[in-house]
């Protein structure tokens, strides 16, 4: 082995050979050659830190996520992943080998053993998987305004509605509650009540917000607002 390879392997090992439990990501590559001895491992205790997996299409970002999730699952650590395209839902089923996988495993001095992992699907619509749900109050005006694609003026009005509800201890559970409160404060008896303390809400602005709310309801996302709220603590206890 050349001095350059030896030095490269030593540097990788010094940086990515933690003590204690760890996750194996792969091996270093020098001049296009995979050096199996230059293992890249991440300590399990550091997996609560921020990280970025970046790359062009087809470079292995999704596979890297799978690799992380599988090893965390084996270590008894629950993983929550957003899977917009459905690339990760097949983790529950053991894969099958092929020449490319076998070749890569050989390069890394590893044995590929297909296996499945326990998963539970969550869904915004509730049509596939467990229903993800939160009350409108818990969701908050800032995030809701982004979903509704409101402009600055409309976002300000939405913030006023939330502030009024909070000051009067009125929980906004679902979109029906929000629409009723919007109508009450814009055109109903509450319009005069909020004018001095919060500012008036124009009919044009309230109508625009109402149309935006109806639009996401038509897309089937109304079900994500309501009770009982999704409890993230289920991932932190066991």
C-alpha atoms as a PDB file:
ATOM      1  CA  UNK A   1       0.000   0.000   0.000  1.00  0.00           C
ATOM      2  CA  UNK A   2       1.357   3.408  -0.943  1.00  0.00           C
ATOM      3  CA  UNK A   3       2.214   6.043   1.635  1.00  0.00           C
ATOM      4  CA  UNK A   4      -0.568   8.254   0.269  1.00  0.00           C
ATOM      5  CA  UNK A   5      -3.200   5.568   0.824  1.00  0.00           C
ATOM      6  CA  UNK A   6      -1.858   4.797   4.284  1.00  0.00           C
ATOM      7  CA  UNK A   7      -1.948   8.465   5.272  1.00  0.00           C
ATOM      8  CA  UNK A   8      -5.471   8.859   3.850  1.00  0.00           C
ATOM      9  CA  UNK A   9      -6.773   5.847   5.793  1.00  0.00           C
ATOM     10  CA  UNK A  10      -5.149   7.082   8.993  1.00  0.00           C
ATOM     11  CA  UNK A  11      -6.712  10.531   8.591  1.00  0.00           C
ATOM     12  CA  UNK A  12     -10.193   9.082   7.997  1.00  0.00           C
ATOM     13  CA  UNK A  13      -9.865   6.729  10.956  1.00  0.00           C
ATOM     14  CA  UNK A  14      -8.710   9.559  13.193  1.00  0.00           C
ATOM     15  CA  UNK A  15     -11.758  11.629  12.237  1.00  0.00           C
ATOM     16  CA  UNK A  16     -14.462   8.987  11.889  1.00  0.00           C
ATOM     17  CA  UNK A  17     -13.618   6.166  14.293  1.00  0.00           C
ATOM     18  CA  UNK A  18     -15.539   7.137  17.459  1.00  0.00           C
ATOM     19  CA  UNK A  19     -15.576   5.127  20.654  1.00  0.00           C
ATOM     20  CA  UNK A  20     -18.862   3.591  21.714  1.00  0.00           C
ATOM     21  CA  UNK A  21     -21.946   2.882  19.603  1.00  0.00           C
ATOM     22  CA  UNK A  22     -21.833   4.352  16.108  1.00  0.00           C
ATOM     23  CA  UNK A  23     -23.476   4.325  12.675  1.00  0.00           C
ATOM     24  CA  UNK A  24     -21.565   3.172   9.627  1.00  0.00           C
ATOM     25  CA  UNK A  25     -21.930   5.422   6.579  1.00  0.00           C
ATOM     26  CA  UNK A  26     -19.382   3.922   4.201  1.00  0.00           C
ATOM     27  CA  UNK A  27     -15.714   4.307   3.367  1.00  0.00           C
ATOM     28  CA  UNK A  28     -13.449   7.005   2.018  1.00  0.00           C
ATOM     29  CA  UNK A  29     -12.596   7.207  -1.696  1.00  0.00           C
ATOM     30  CA  UNK A  30      -9.150   8.190  -2.920  1.00  0.00           C
ATOM     31  CA  UNK A  31      -8.564   8.773  -6.637  1.00  0.00           C
ATOM     32  CA  UNK A  32     -11.757   6.889  -7.451  1.00  0.00           C
ATOM     33  CA  UNK A  33     -10.822   3.840  -5.348  1.00  0.00           C
ATOM     34  CA  UNK A  34     -12.939   2.774  -2.380  1.00  0.00           C
ATOM     35  CA  UNK A  35     -10.692   2.098   0.598  1.00  0.00           C
ATOM     36  CA  UNK A  36     -12.650  -0.185   2.893  1.00  0.00           C
ATOM     37  CA  UNK A  37     -10.253   0.364   5.786  1.00  0.00           C
ATOM     38  CA  UNK A  38     -11.085   4.088   5.782  1.00  0.00           C
ATOM     39  CA  UNK A  39     -14.452   3.577   7.483  1.00  0.00           C
ATOM     40  CA  UNK A  40     -16.677   6.588   8.077  1.00  0.00           C
ATOM     41  CA  UNK A  41     -18.667   6.198  11.294  1.00  0.00           C
ATOM     42  CA  UNK A  42     -20.844   8.660  13.202  1.00  0.00           C
ATOM     43  CA  UNK A  43     -21.220   8.300  16.985  1.00  0.00           C
ATOM     44  CA  UNK A  44     -24.751   7.401  17.984  1.00  0.00           C
ATOM     45  CA  UNK A  45     -24.726  10.034  20.716  1.00  0.00           C
ATOM     46  CA  UNK A  46     -24.250  12.742  18.067  1.00  0.00           C
ATOM     47  CA  UNK A  47     -27.319  11.834  16.006  1.00  0.00           C
ATOM     48  CA  UNK A  48     -29.409  14.517  17.710  1.00  0.00           C
ATOM     49  CA  UNK A  49     -27.384  17.226  15.927  1.00  0.00           C
ATOM     50  CA  UNK A  50     -28.248  19.041  12.712  1.00  0.00           C
ATOM     51  CA  UNK A  51     -26.958  17.636   9.455  1.00  0.00           C
ATOM     52  CA  UNK A  52     -27.271  18.151   5.734  1.00  0.00           C
ATOM     53  CA  UNK A  53     -27.374  15.520   3.003  1.00  0.00           C
ATOM     54  CA  UNK A  54     -26.965  17.245  -0.347  1.00  0.00           C
ATOM     55  CA  UNK A  55     -26.296  16.193  -3.905  1.00  0.00           C
ATOM     56  CA  UNK A  56     -27.638  16.044  -7.427  1.00  0.00           C
ATOM     57  CA  UNK A  57     -30.354  13.615  -8.541  1.00  0.00           C
ATOM     58  CA  UNK A  58     -29.153  10.038  -8.371  1.00  0.00           C
ATOM     59  CA  UNK A  59     -26.206  10.617  -6.039  1.00  0.00           C
ATOM     60  CA  UNK A  60     -27.686   8.572  -3.170  1.00  0.00           C
ATOM     61  CA  UNK A  61     -29.359  11.067  -0.813  1.00  0.00           C
ATOM     62  CA  UNK A  62     -32.394   8.854  -0.216  1.00  0.00           C
ATOM     63  CA  UNK A  63     -30.253   5.745   0.197  1.00  0.00           C
ATOM     64  CA  UNK A  64     -28.173   7.585   2.792  1.00  0.00           C
ATOM     65  CA  UNK A  65     -31.354   8.416   4.710  1.00  0.00           C
ATOM     66  CA  UNK A  66     -32.378   4.768   4.521  1.00  0.00           C
ATOM     67  CA  UNK A  67     -28.984   3.699   5.813  1.00  0.00           C
ATOM     68  CA  UNK A  68     -29.238   6.086   8.759  1.00  0.00           C
ATOM     69  CA  UNK A  69     -32.828   5.100   9.584  1.00  0.00           C
ATOM     70  CA  UNK A  70     -32.098   1.368   9.395  1.00  0.00           C
ATOM     71  CA  UNK A  71     -29.148   1.546  11.754  1.00  0.00           C
ATOM     72  CA  UNK A  72     -30.950   3.839  14.168  1.00  0.00           C
ATOM     73  CA  UNK A  73     -33.853   1.375  14.169  1.00  0.00           C
ATOM     74  CA  UNK A  74     -31.466  -1.467  14.966  1.00  0.00           C
ATOM     75  CA  UNK A  75     -30.137   0.643  17.837  1.00  0.00           C
ATOM     76  CA  UNK A  76     -33.663   1.137  19.200  1.00  0.00           C
ATOM     77  CA  UNK A  77     -33.865   4.820  18.230  1.00  0.00           C
ATOM     78  CA  UNK A  78     -37.193   5.923  16.655  1.00  0.00           C
ATOM     79  CA  UNK A  79     -36.880   7.954  13.451  1.00  0.00           C
ATOM     80  CA  UNK A  80     -39.428  10.343  11.951  1.00  0.00           C
ATOM     81  CA  UNK A  81     -38.905  11.065   8.252  1.00  0.00           C
ATOM     82  CA  UNK A  82     -40.896  13.137   5.772  1.00  0.00           C
ATOM     83  CA  UNK A  83     -41.398  10.992   2.692  1.00  0.00           C
ATOM     84  CA  UNK A  84     -43.159  13.119   0.088  1.00  0.00           C
ATOM     85  CA  UNK A  85     -42.497  10.786  -2.854  1.00  0.00           C
ATOM     86  CA  UNK A  86     -42.862   7.482  -1.002  1.00  0.00           C
ATOM     87  CA  UNK A  87     -39.209   6.493  -1.465  1.00  0.00           C
ATOM     88  CA  UNK A  88     -38.795   5.384   2.151  1.00  0.00           C
ATOM     89  CA  UNK A  89     -42.041   3.511   2.777  1.00  0.00           C
ATOM     90  CA  UNK A  90     -40.558   0.226   1.570  1.00  0.00           C
ATOM     91  CA  UNK A  91     -38.217  -0.049   4.537  1.00  0.00           C
ATOM     92  CA  UNK A  92     -40.581  -2.526   6.156  1.00  0.00           C
ATOM     93  CA  UNK A  93     -39.889  -5.119   3.451  1.00  0.00           C
ATOM     94  CA  UNK A  94     -36.577  -6.896   3.026  1.00  0.00           C
ATOM     95  CA  UNK A  95     -34.904  -5.963  -0.240  1.00  0.00           C
ATOM     96  CA  UNK A  96     -33.305  -8.251  -2.794  1.00  0.00           C
ATOM     97  CA  UNK A  97     -29.697  -8.489  -3.821  1.00  0.00           C
ATOM     98  CA  UNK A  98     -28.312  -7.652  -7.245  1.00  0.00           C
ATOM     99  CA  UNK A  99     -24.850  -7.539  -8.843  1.00  0.00           C
ATOM    100  CA  UNK A 100     -24.349  -3.825  -8.126  1.00  0.00           C
ATOM    101  CA  UNK A 101     -25.148  -4.264  -4.438  1.00  0.00           C
ATOM    102  CA  UNK A 102     -22.920  -7.303  -4.194  1.00  0.00           C
ATOM    103  CA  UNK A 103     -20.082  -5.434  -5.888  1.00  0.00           C
ATOM    104  CA  UNK A 104     -20.404  -2.481  -3.524  1.00  0.00           C
ATOM    105  CA  UNK A 105     -20.521  -4.777  -0.487  1.00  0.00           C
ATOM    106  CA  UNK A 106     -17.365  -6.487  -1.716  1.00  0.00           C
ATOM    107  CA  UNK A 107     -15.599  -3.141  -2.103  1.00  0.00           C
ATOM    108  CA  UNK A 108     -16.504  -2.285   1.488  1.00  0.00           C
ATOM    109  CA  UNK A 109     -15.626  -5.731   2.859  1.00  0.00           C
ATOM    110  CA  UNK A 110     -19.194  -6.101   4.079  1.00  0.00           C
ATOM    111  CA  UNK A 111     -21.800  -8.822   3.738  1.00  0.00           C
ATOM    112  CA  UNK A 112     -25.162  -7.664   2.396  1.00  0.00           C
ATOM    113  CA  UNK A 113     -28.066  -9.292   4.248  1.00  0.00           C
ATOM    114  CA  UNK A 114     -31.535  -8.061   3.183  1.00  0.00           C
ATOM    115  CA  UNK A 115     -33.836  -7.280   6.097  1.00  0.00           C
ATOM    116  CA  UNK A 116     -36.993  -5.316   6.849  1.00  0.00           C
ATOM    117  CA  UNK A 117     -37.624  -2.753   9.570  1.00  0.00           C
ATOM    118  CA  UNK A 118     -40.747  -1.842  11.563  1.00  0.00           C
ATOM    119  CA  UNK A 119     -42.457   1.285  10.254  1.00  0.00           C
ATOM    120  CA  UNK A 120     -45.672   3.186  10.877  1.00  0.00           C
ATOM    121  CA  UNK A 121     -47.095   5.481   8.229  1.00  0.00           C
ATOM    122  CA  UNK A 122     -48.495   8.886   9.109  1.00  0.00           C
ATOM    123  CA  UNK A 123     -50.591  10.987   6.770  1.00  0.00           C
ATOM    124  CA  UNK A 124     -51.834  14.576   6.587  1.00  0.00           C
ATOM    125  CA  UNK A 125     -55.057  13.476   4.939  1.00  0.00           C
ATOM    126  CA  UNK A 126     -55.568  10.318   6.992  1.00  0.00           C
ATOM    127  CA  UNK A 127     -56.340   8.316   3.846  1.00  0.00           C
ATOM    128  CA  UNK A 128     -53.130   6.314   4.083  1.00  0.00           C
ATOM    129  CA  UNK A 129     -51.624   5.761   7.506  1.00  0.00           C
ATOM    130  CA  UNK A 130     -52.349   7.282  10.893  1.00  0.00           C
ATOM    131  CA  UNK A 131     -53.889  10.758  10.880  1.00  0.00           C
ATOM    132  CA  UNK A 132     -51.513  13.600  11.709  1.00  0.00           C
ATOM    133  CA  UNK A 133     -53.578  16.223  13.479  1.00  0.00           C
ATOM    134  CA  UNK A 134     -53.167  19.494  15.373  1.00  0.00           C
ATOM    135  CA  UNK A 135     -55.586  22.191  16.433  1.00  0.00           C
ATOM    136  CA  UNK A 136     -55.525  25.457  14.499  1.00  0.00           C
ATOM    137  CA  UNK A 137     -54.447  27.224  17.701  1.00  0.00           C
ATOM    138  CA  UNK A 138     -51.444  24.907  18.089  1.00  0.00           C
ATOM    139  CA  UNK A 139     -50.556  25.364  14.431  1.00  0.00           C
ATOM    140  CA  UNK A 140     -50.275  29.108  14.898  1.00  0.00           C
ATOM    141  CA  UNK A 141     -50.810  32.074  12.562  1.00  0.00           C
ATOM    142  CA  UNK A 142     -47.324  32.190  11.017  1.00  0.00           C
ATOM    143  CA  UNK A 143     -47.221  28.627   9.739  1.00  0.00           C
ATOM    144  CA  UNK A 144     -50.893  28.684   8.745  1.00  0.00           C
ATOM    145  CA  UNK A 145     -50.346  31.889   6.750  1.00  0.00           C
ATOM    146  CA  UNK A 146     -47.565  30.170   4.802  1.00  0.00           C
ATOM    147  CA  UNK A 147     -49.808  27.213   3.991  1.00  0.00           C
ATOM    148  CA  UNK A 148     -52.600  29.544   2.900  1.00  0.00           C
ATOM    149  CA  UNK A 149     -50.095  31.621   0.895  1.00  0.00           C
ATOM    150  CA  UNK A 150     -51.306  34.868   2.416  1.00  0.00           C
ATOM    151  CA  UNK A 151     -49.719  38.239   1.696  1.00  0.00           C
ATOM    152  CA  UNK A 152     -48.431  40.571   4.413  1.00  0.00           C
ATOM    153  CA  UNK A 153     -51.777  42.289   4.996  1.00  0.00           C
ATOM    154  CA  UNK A 154     -53.711  39.012   5.137  1.00  0.00           C
ATOM    155  CA  UNK A 155     -51.101  37.504   7.445  1.00  0.00           C
ATOM    156  CA  UNK A 156     -51.530  40.461   9.785  1.00  0.00           C
ATOM    157  CA  UNK A 157     -55.283  39.943   9.864  1.00  0.00           C
ATOM    158  CA  UNK A 158     -54.812  36.262  10.645  1.00  0.00           C
ATOM    159  CA  UNK A 159     -52.494  37.215  13.506  1.00  0.00           C
ATOM    160  CA  UNK A 160     -55.196  39.547  14.857  1.00  0.00           C
ATOM    161  CA  UNK A 161     -57.725  36.706  14.797  1.00  0.00           C
ATOM    162  CA  UNK A 162     -55.382  34.451  16.756  1.00  0.00           C
ATOM    163  CA  UNK A 163     -54.599  37.255  19.222  1.00  0.00           C
ATOM    164  CA  UNK A 164     -58.300  37.928  19.811  1.00  0.00           C
ATOM    165  CA  UNK A 165     -58.960  34.223  20.358  1.00  0.00           C
ATOM    166  CA  UNK A 166     -56.018  33.950  22.751  1.00  0.00           C
ATOM    167  CA  UNK A 167     -57.011  37.041  24.746  1.00  0.00           C
ATOM    168  CA  UNK A 168     -60.569  35.739  25.084  1.00  0.00           C
ATOM    169  CA  UNK A 169     -59.510  32.157  25.820  1.00  0.00           C
ATOM    170  CA  UNK A 170     -61.249  30.862  22.712  1.00  0.00           C
ATOM    171  CA  UNK A 171     -59.525  27.749  21.342  1.00  0.00           C
ATOM    172  CA  UNK A 172     -59.629  27.446  17.554  1.00  0.00           C
ATOM    173  CA  UNK A 173     -59.863  23.712  17.124  1.00  0.00           C
ATOM    174  CA  UNK A 174     -60.476  23.228  13.411  1.00  0.00           C
ATOM    175  CA  UNK A 175     -61.007  25.212  10.211  1.00  0.00           C
ATOM    176  CA  UNK A 176     -64.738  25.479  10.892  1.00  0.00           C
ATOM    177  CA  UNK A 177     -63.938  27.351  14.094  1.00  0.00           C
ATOM    178  CA  UNK A 178     -61.543  29.616  12.218  1.00  0.00           C
ATOM    179  CA  UNK A 179     -64.093  30.432   9.513  1.00  0.00           C
ATOM    180  CA  UNK A 180     -66.786  31.219  12.064  1.00  0.00           C
ATOM    181  CA  UNK A 181     -64.449  33.464  14.047  1.00  0.00           C
ATOM    182  CA  UNK A 182     -63.301  35.195  10.864  1.00  0.00           C
ATOM    183  CA  UNK A 183     -66.893  35.951   9.895  1.00  0.00           C
ATOM    184  CA  UNK A 184     -67.759  37.113  13.415  1.00  0.00           C
ATOM    185  CA  UNK A 185     -64.870  39.572  13.577  1.00  0.00           C
ATOM    186  CA  UNK A 186     -65.124  40.811   9.987  1.00  0.00           C
ATOM    187  CA  UNK A 187     -68.860  41.233   9.494  1.00  0.00           C
ATOM    188  CA  UNK A 188     -70.586  39.983  12.620  1.00  0.00           C
ATOM    189  CA  UNK A 189     -71.104  41.419  16.097  1.00  0.00           C
ATOM    190  CA  UNK A 190     -67.409  41.205  16.838  1.00  0.00           C
ATOM    191  CA  UNK A 191     -66.426  43.709  14.133  1.00  0.00           C
ATOM    192  CA  UNK A 192     -67.128  46.726  16.330  1.00  0.00           C
ATOM    193  CA  UNK A 193     -65.624  45.004  19.362  1.00  0.00           C
ATOM    194  CA  UNK A 194     -62.173  44.524  17.837  1.00  0.00           C
ATOM    195  CA  UNK A 195     -61.954  47.846  15.974  1.00  0.00           C
ATOM    196  CA  UNK A 196     -60.535  49.885  18.866  1.00  0.00           C
ATOM    197  CA  UNK A 197     -58.190  47.269  20.325  1.00  0.00           C
ATOM    198  CA  UNK A 198     -57.075  45.242  17.328  1.00  0.00           C
ATOM    199  CA  UNK A 199     -58.052  47.154  14.191  1.00  0.00           C
ATOM    200  CA  UNK A 200     -60.856  46.491  11.741  1.00  0.00           C
ATOM    201  CA  UNK A 201     -60.880  43.644   9.229  1.00  0.00           C
ATOM    202  CA  UNK A 202     -61.946  44.572   5.724  1.00  0.00           C
ATOM    203  CA  UNK A 203     -64.523  42.469   3.926  1.00  0.00           C
ATOM    204  CA  UNK A 204     -62.168  42.002   0.968  1.00  0.00           C
ATOM    205  CA  UNK A 205     -59.368  40.642   3.163  1.00  0.00           C
ATOM    206  CA  UNK A 206     -61.655  38.310   5.126  1.00  0.00           C
ATOM    207  CA  UNK A 207     -63.168  37.005   1.883  1.00  0.00           C
ATOM    208  CA  UNK A 208     -59.714  36.260   0.472  1.00  0.00           C
ATOM    209  CA  UNK A 209     -58.656  34.392   3.604  1.00  0.00           C
ATOM    210  CA  UNK A 210     -61.930  32.460   3.571  1.00  0.00           C
ATOM    211  CA  UNK A 211     -61.376  31.395  -0.049  1.00  0.00           C
ATOM    212  CA  UNK A 212     -57.867  30.228   0.813  1.00  0.00           C
ATOM    213  CA  UNK A 213     -59.225  28.140   3.688  1.00  0.00           C
ATOM    214  CA  UNK A 214     -61.871  26.570   1.454  1.00  0.00           C
ATOM    215  CA  UNK A 215     -59.175  25.772  -1.118  1.00  0.00           C
ATOM    216  CA  UNK A 216     -57.112  23.655   1.283  1.00  0.00           C
ATOM    217  CA  UNK A 217     -60.288  21.958   2.513  1.00  0.00           C
ATOM    218  CA  UNK A 218     -61.032  20.951  -1.067  1.00  0.00           C
ATOM    219  CA  UNK A 219     -57.541  19.498  -1.306  1.00  0.00           C
ATOM    220  CA  UNK A 220     -58.417  17.152   1.554  1.00  0.00           C
ATOM    221  CA  UNK A 221     -56.217  18.816   4.185  1.00  0.00           C
ATOM    222  CA  UNK A 222     -59.021  19.967   6.462  1.00  0.00           C
ATOM    223  CA  UNK A 223     -58.730  16.743   8.442  1.00  0.00           C
ATOM    224  CA  UNK A 224     -55.271  17.621   9.713  1.00  0.00           C
ATOM    225  CA  UNK A 225     -56.813  20.298  11.933  1.00  0.00           C
ATOM    226  CA  UNK A 226     -58.724  19.121  14.982  1.00  0.00           C
ATOM    227  CA  UNK A 227     -58.511  17.004  18.092  1.00  0.00           C
ATOM    228  CA  UNK A 228     -56.929  14.874  19.390  1.00  0.00           C
ATOM    229  CA  UNK A 229     -53.608  16.496  18.534  1.00  0.00           C
ATOM    230  CA  UNK A 230     -50.676  14.387  17.450  1.00  0.00           C
ATOM    231  CA  UNK A 231     -48.315  13.883  20.387  1.00  0.00           C
ATOM    232  CA  UNK A 232     -44.628  13.901  19.469  1.00  0.00           C
ATOM    233  CA  UNK A 233     -43.805  12.568  22.936  1.00  0.00           C
ATOM    234  CA  UNK A 234     -44.592   9.061  21.702  1.00  0.00           C
ATOM    235  CA  UNK A 235     -41.147   9.144  20.105  1.00  0.00           C
ATOM    236  CA  UNK A 236     -39.479  10.188  23.329  1.00  0.00           C
ATOM    237  CA  UNK A 237     -40.944   7.560  25.663  1.00  0.00           C
ATOM    238  CA  UNK A 238     -40.906   3.860  25.404  1.00  0.00           C
END
